[in-house]
N, C-alpha and C. Protein backbone atom coordinates (compact mmCIF):
# COMPACT_ATOMS: atom_id res chain seq x y z
N UNK A 1 -3.25 -17.49 3.65
CA UNK A 1 -2.08 -16.65 3.63
C UNK A 1 -1.29 -16.87 4.91
N UNK A 2 0.01 -16.92 4.80
CA UNK A 2 0.89 -17.11 5.94
C UNK A 2 0.96 -15.82 6.75
N UNK A 3 0.86 -15.93 8.05
CA UNK A 3 1.01 -14.77 8.92
C UNK A 3 2.43 -14.71 9.43
N UNK A 4 3.00 -13.53 9.38
CA UNK A 4 4.35 -13.31 9.89
C UNK A 4 4.26 -12.59 11.22
N UNK A 5 5.14 -12.93 12.13
CA UNK A 5 5.18 -12.27 13.43
C UNK A 5 6.63 -11.95 13.77
N UNK A 6 6.89 -10.72 14.11
CA UNK A 6 8.23 -10.33 14.51
C UNK A 6 8.23 -9.90 15.96
N UNK A 7 9.39 -9.61 16.47
CA UNK A 7 9.46 -9.18 17.87
C UNK A 7 8.97 -7.75 18.04
N UNK A 8 8.98 -6.96 16.96
CA UNK A 8 8.55 -5.56 17.07
C UNK A 8 7.34 -5.22 16.22
N UNK A 9 6.98 -6.10 15.31
CA UNK A 9 5.89 -5.77 14.40
C UNK A 9 5.17 -7.05 13.97
N UNK A 10 3.88 -6.92 13.71
CA UNK A 10 3.09 -7.99 13.15
C UNK A 10 2.44 -7.43 11.88
N UNK A 11 2.97 -7.78 10.71
CA UNK A 11 2.38 -7.27 9.46
C UNK A 11 0.94 -7.75 9.31
N UNK A 12 0.15 -6.97 8.63
CA UNK A 12 -1.24 -7.35 8.37
C UNK A 12 -1.61 -6.90 6.96
N UNK A 13 -2.72 -7.39 6.47
CA UNK A 13 -3.22 -7.00 5.16
C UNK A 13 -3.69 -5.54 5.23
N UNK A 14 -3.41 -4.79 4.19
CA UNK A 14 -3.85 -3.40 4.13
C UNK A 14 -5.36 -3.32 4.13
N UNK A 15 -5.86 -2.22 4.70
CA UNK A 15 -7.30 -1.98 4.80
C UNK A 15 -7.60 -0.60 4.23
N UNK A 16 -8.86 -0.32 3.91
CA UNK A 16 -9.21 1.00 3.36
C UNK A 16 -8.74 2.18 4.22
N UNK A 17 -8.69 2.00 5.52
CA UNK A 17 -8.22 3.08 6.39
C UNK A 17 -6.74 3.40 6.22
N UNK A 18 -6.02 2.50 5.56
CA UNK A 18 -4.58 2.69 5.32
C UNK A 18 -4.29 3.50 4.05
N UNK A 19 -5.30 3.75 3.25
CA UNK A 19 -5.10 4.39 1.95
C UNK A 19 -4.34 5.71 2.04
N UNK A 20 -4.71 6.65 2.92
CA UNK A 20 -3.96 7.91 2.96
C UNK A 20 -2.47 7.72 3.25
N UNK A 21 -2.14 6.86 4.19
CA UNK A 21 -0.73 6.63 4.53
C UNK A 21 0.01 5.95 3.38
N UNK A 22 -0.64 5.00 2.73
CA UNK A 22 0.00 4.31 1.60
C UNK A 22 0.20 5.26 0.42
N UNK A 23 -0.77 6.13 0.18
CA UNK A 23 -0.62 7.12 -0.90
C UNK A 23 0.52 8.08 -0.58
N UNK A 24 0.65 8.47 0.68
CA UNK A 24 1.75 9.36 1.07
C UNK A 24 3.10 8.68 0.86
N UNK A 25 3.18 7.39 1.17
CA UNK A 25 4.43 6.66 0.93
C UNK A 25 4.76 6.60 -0.56
N UNK A 26 3.76 6.33 -1.38
CA UNK A 26 3.99 6.28 -2.83
C UNK A 26 4.42 7.62 -3.40
N UNK A 27 4.05 8.69 -2.74
CA UNK A 27 4.39 10.03 -3.24
C UNK A 27 5.85 10.39 -2.99
N UNK A 28 6.53 9.68 -2.11
CA UNK A 28 7.93 10.00 -1.85
C UNK A 28 8.78 9.59 -3.05
N UNK A 29 9.81 10.34 -3.32
CA UNK A 29 10.65 10.07 -4.49
C UNK A 29 11.31 8.69 -4.42
N UNK A 30 11.63 8.25 -3.22
CA UNK A 30 12.29 6.95 -3.06
C UNK A 30 11.38 5.79 -3.47
N UNK A 31 10.09 5.94 -3.28
CA UNK A 31 9.14 4.89 -3.63
C UNK A 31 8.60 5.09 -5.05
N UNK A 32 8.37 6.32 -5.44
CA UNK A 32 7.77 6.63 -6.74
C UNK A 32 8.56 6.06 -7.91
N UNK A 33 9.87 5.96 -7.77
CA UNK A 33 10.68 5.43 -8.88
C UNK A 33 10.42 3.95 -9.12
N UNK A 34 9.88 3.24 -8.13
CA UNK A 34 9.66 1.80 -8.25
C UNK A 34 8.19 1.41 -8.38
N UNK A 35 7.26 2.29 -8.00
CA UNK A 35 5.87 1.92 -7.92
C UNK A 35 5.07 2.82 -8.85
N UNK A 36 4.13 2.21 -9.56
CA UNK A 36 3.32 3.01 -10.49
C UNK A 36 2.46 4.01 -9.73
N UNK A 37 2.00 4.99 -10.44
CA UNK A 37 1.11 5.96 -9.84
C UNK A 37 0.83 7.09 -10.81
N UNK A 38 -0.40 7.53 -10.79
CA UNK A 38 -0.80 8.63 -11.63
C UNK A 38 -0.96 9.89 -10.79
N UNK A 39 -1.70 10.84 -11.31
CA UNK A 39 -1.88 12.09 -10.58
C UNK A 39 -2.71 11.95 -9.30
N UNK A 40 -3.50 10.88 -9.20
CA UNK A 40 -4.33 10.66 -8.01
C UNK A 40 -3.87 9.37 -7.32
N UNK A 41 -2.86 9.47 -6.48
CA UNK A 41 -2.31 8.30 -5.81
C UNK A 41 -3.32 7.65 -4.86
N UNK A 42 -4.20 8.44 -4.28
CA UNK A 42 -5.21 7.88 -3.39
C UNK A 42 -6.11 6.92 -4.17
N UNK A 43 -6.53 7.32 -5.35
CA UNK A 43 -7.37 6.45 -6.18
C UNK A 43 -6.59 5.22 -6.64
N UNK A 44 -5.31 5.40 -6.96
CA UNK A 44 -4.48 4.26 -7.38
C UNK A 44 -4.35 3.23 -6.26
N UNK A 45 -4.12 3.69 -5.05
CA UNK A 45 -3.99 2.77 -3.92
C UNK A 45 -5.32 2.07 -3.66
N UNK A 46 -6.42 2.81 -3.72
CA UNK A 46 -7.75 2.21 -3.51
C UNK A 46 -8.01 1.14 -4.56
N UNK A 47 -7.63 1.41 -5.80
CA UNK A 47 -7.81 0.43 -6.88
C UNK A 47 -6.98 -0.82 -6.61
N UNK A 48 -5.75 -0.63 -6.17
CA UNK A 48 -4.89 -1.78 -5.87
C UNK A 48 -5.45 -2.61 -4.71
N UNK A 49 -5.98 -1.96 -3.69
CA UNK A 49 -6.53 -2.70 -2.56
C UNK A 49 -7.78 -3.48 -2.96
N UNK A 50 -8.52 -2.97 -3.95
CA UNK A 50 -9.74 -3.66 -4.40
C UNK A 50 -9.41 -4.86 -5.28
N UNK A 51 -8.18 -4.93 -5.78
CA UNK A 51 -7.77 -6.01 -6.68
C UNK A 51 -7.23 -7.18 -5.84
N UNK A 52 -7.96 -8.31 -5.81
CA UNK A 52 -7.50 -9.44 -4.98
C UNK A 52 -6.15 -10.01 -5.43
N UNK A 53 -5.76 -9.78 -6.67
CA UNK A 53 -4.47 -10.29 -7.16
C UNK A 53 -3.28 -9.45 -6.69
N UNK A 54 -3.53 -8.27 -6.12
CA UNK A 54 -2.43 -7.42 -5.69
C UNK A 54 -2.14 -7.54 -4.19
N UNK A 55 -2.84 -8.42 -3.53
CA UNK A 55 -2.63 -8.57 -2.09
C UNK A 55 -1.60 -9.61 -1.80
């Protein structure tokens, strides 16, 4: 995988510790209209992180 580096940020692959923050982002109306999600966004994010095809 190609690594990107910016002057202010270095993106990285999501990790299990990121699940709460990612679920909170998905819960916002601005993101929810574009990203799938059921009643348990934490479980949805964990499922996506476990799927190697979604990285």
